[in-house]
C-alpha atoms as a PDB file:
ATOM      1  CA  MET A   1      86.558 107.059  85.563  1.00  0.00           C
ATOM      2  CA  GLU A   2      88.214 104.579  83.043  1.00  0.00           C
ATOM      3  CA  VAL A   3      90.133 107.293  81.405  1.00  0.00           C
ATOM      4  CA  TYR A   4      91.404 108.562  84.746  1.00  0.00           C
ATOM      5  CA  LEU A   5      92.477 105.159  85.880  1.00  0.00           C
ATOM      6  CA  ASN A   6      94.330 104.712  82.744  1.00  0.00           C
ATOM      7  CA  VAL A   7      96.456 107.832  83.090  1.00  0.00           C
ATOM      8  CA  ILE A   8      96.790 108.466  86.841  1.00  0.00           C
ATOM      9  CA  GLU A   9     100.279 108.265  88.335  1.00  0.00           C
ATOM     10  CA  PHE A  10     100.531 105.342  90.835  1.00  0.00           C
ATOM     11  CA  GLY A  11     104.266 105.945  91.593  1.00  0.00           C
ATOM     12  CA  ASN A  12     107.504 107.320  90.032  1.00  0.00           C
ATOM     13  CA  GLY A  13     106.954 106.629  86.310  1.00  0.00           C
ATOM     14  CA  ILE A  14     104.008 104.344  86.936  1.00  0.00           C
ATOM     15  CA  TYR A  15     101.058 105.464  84.882  1.00  0.00           C
ATOM     16  CA  GLY A  16      97.644 103.672  84.856  1.00  0.00           C
ATOM     17  CA  ALA A  17      96.066 100.929  86.740  1.00  0.00           C
ATOM     18  CA  GLN A  18      97.397  98.251  84.487  1.00  0.00           C
ATOM     19  CA  ALA A  19     101.061  99.428  85.011  1.00  0.00           C
ATOM     20  CA  ALA A  20     100.422  99.751  88.746  1.00  0.00           C
ATOM     21  CA  SER A  21      99.104  96.157  88.921  1.00  0.00           C
ATOM     22  CA  ILE A  22     102.115  94.760  87.204  1.00  0.00           C
ATOM     23  CA  HIS A  23     104.556  96.792  89.144  1.00  0.00           C
ATOM     24  CA  TYR A  24     103.130  96.213  92.622  1.00  0.00           C
ATOM     25  CA  PHE A  25     101.555  92.726  92.251  1.00  0.00           C
ATOM     26  CA  GLY A  26     103.192  91.208  89.170  1.00  0.00           C
ATOM     27  CA  LYS A  27      99.862  90.394  87.418  1.00  0.00           C
ATOM     28  CA  ASP A  28      97.232  91.801  84.993  1.00  0.00           C
ATOM     29  CA  VAL A  29      94.748  94.224  86.525  1.00  0.00           C
ATOM     30  CA  SER A  30      91.893  91.876  85.832  1.00  0.00           C
ATOM     31  CA  LYS A  31      93.511  89.311  88.166  1.00  0.00           C
ATOM     32  CA  LEU A  32      93.783  91.668  91.231  1.00  0.00           C
ATOM     33  CA  THR A  33      92.105  90.554  94.416  1.00  0.00           C
ATOM     34  CA  LYS A  34      89.639  92.965  96.161  1.00  0.00           C
ATOM     35  CA  GLU A  35      92.362  93.729  98.725  1.00  0.00           C
ATOM     36  CA  GLU A  36      94.997  94.524  95.954  1.00  0.00           C
ATOM     37  CA  ALA A  37      92.528  96.815  94.184  1.00  0.00           C
ATOM     38  CA  ALA A  38      91.733  98.580  97.378  1.00  0.00           C
ATOM     39  CA  ARG A  39      95.486  99.113  98.117  1.00  0.00           C
ATOM     40  CA  LEU A  40      95.860 100.726  94.787  1.00  0.00           C
ATOM     41  CA  ALA A  41      92.987 103.087  95.473  1.00  0.00           C
ATOM     42  CA  VAL A  42      94.311 103.891  98.896  1.00  0.00           C
ATOM     43  CA  ILE A  43      97.780 104.960  97.756  1.00  0.00           C
ATOM     44  CA  LEU A  44      96.313 107.491  95.217  1.00  0.00           C
ATOM     45  CA  PRO A  45      96.465 110.569  97.524  1.00  0.00           C
ATOM     46  CA  SER A  46     100.337 110.193  97.571  1.00  0.00           C
ATOM     47  CA  PRO A  47     101.589 107.229  95.402  1.00  0.00           C
ATOM     48  CA  ARG A  48     105.206 108.263  95.763  1.00  0.00           C
ATOM     49  CA  ARG A  49     104.883 108.199  99.472  1.00  0.00           C
ATOM     50  CA  TYR A  50     102.782 105.028 100.032  1.00  0.00           C
ATOM     51  CA  LYS A  51     103.371 101.562  98.548  1.00  0.00           C
ATOM     52  CA  ALA A  52     100.581  99.193  97.645  1.00  0.00           C
ATOM     53  CA  SER A  53     102.736  96.069  97.847  1.00  0.00           C
ATOM     54  CA  GLN A  54     104.388  96.826 101.117  1.00  0.00           C
ATOM     55  CA  PRO A  55     101.542  98.650 103.063  1.00  0.00           C
ATOM     56  CA  GLY A  56     102.543 100.550 106.205  1.00  0.00           C
ATOM     57  CA  PRO A  57     100.107 101.261 108.966  1.00  0.00           C
ATOM     58  CA  TYR A  58      98.221 104.106 107.112  1.00  0.00           C
ATOM     59  CA  VAL A  59      97.731 101.973 103.952  1.00  0.00           C
ATOM     60  CA  ALA A  60      96.701  98.970 105.990  1.00  0.00           C
ATOM     61  CA  ARG A  61      94.092 100.815 107.941  1.00  0.00           C
ATOM     62  CA  ARG A  62      92.757 102.668 104.840  1.00  0.00           C
ATOM     63  CA  THR A  63      92.567  99.357 102.964  1.00  0.00           C
ATOM     64  CA  GLU A  64      90.429  97.755 105.630  1.00  0.00           C
ATOM     65  CA  TRP A  65      88.167 100.814 105.671  1.00  0.00           C
ATOM     66  CA  THR A  66      87.961 100.615 101.863  1.00  0.00           C
ATOM     67  CA  LEU A  67      87.060  96.923 101.944  1.00  0.00           C
ATOM     68  CA  ARG A  68      84.362  97.463 104.501  1.00  0.00           C
ATOM     69  CA  GLN A  69      82.833 100.281 102.149  1.00  0.00           C
ATOM     70  CA  MET A  70      83.028  97.813  99.334  1.00  0.00           C
ATOM     71  CA  ARG A  71      81.186  95.136 101.322  1.00  0.00           C
ATOM     72  CA  MET A  72      78.660  97.636 102.646  1.00  0.00           C
ATOM     73  CA  TRP A  73      77.727  99.229  99.240  1.00  0.00           C
ATOM     74  CA  GLY A  74      78.251  96.044  97.055  1.00  0.00           C
ATOM     75  CA  ASN A  75      76.378  96.373  93.894  1.00  0.00           C
ATOM     76  CA  ARG A  76      73.942  98.987  95.262  1.00  0.00           C
ATOM     77  CA  LEU A  77      75.586 101.926  93.569  1.00  0.00           C
ATOM     78  CA  ASP A  78      74.191 103.190  90.315  1.00  0.00           C
ATOM     79  CA  TYR A  79      76.913 105.364  88.872  1.00  0.00           C
ATOM     80  CA  SER A  80      74.566 106.619  86.158  1.00  0.00           C
ATOM     81  CA  SER A  81      72.298 108.059  88.808  1.00  0.00           C
ATOM     82  CA  ARG A  82      72.709 111.394  90.600  1.00  0.00           C
ATOM     83  CA  THR A  83      71.059 110.181  93.771  1.00  0.00           C
ATOM     84  CA  ILE A  84      72.325 108.110  96.662  1.00  0.00           C
ATOM     85  CA  PRO A  85      70.547 104.868  97.410  1.00  0.00           C
ATOM     86  CA  GLY A  86      67.792 105.565 100.127  1.00  0.00           C
ATOM     87  CA  GLU A  87      67.709 109.263  99.697  1.00  0.00           C
ATOM     88  CA  GLU A  88      64.860 111.191  98.045  1.00  0.00           C
ATOM     89  CA  GLU A  89      65.505 113.380  95.016  1.00  0.00           C
END
């Protein structure tokens, strides 16, 4: 995941989460708020069409959905596991 986030295109000539953070929000990726991080994730299906810093209706709706998912799952996900919390193997 880390490699992917460091090379993915977030816009015309904007490669990697750090570059996207600086371009869209003017700050280091480690300083992003949860909402700003969610916006970057939401624009990934089409980063040349959607803008994280000026969200239209689609990005705003998807950002709210993403934030709800973040709150719901919190720290309950174990990315090293192949199972979903609450499900039997």
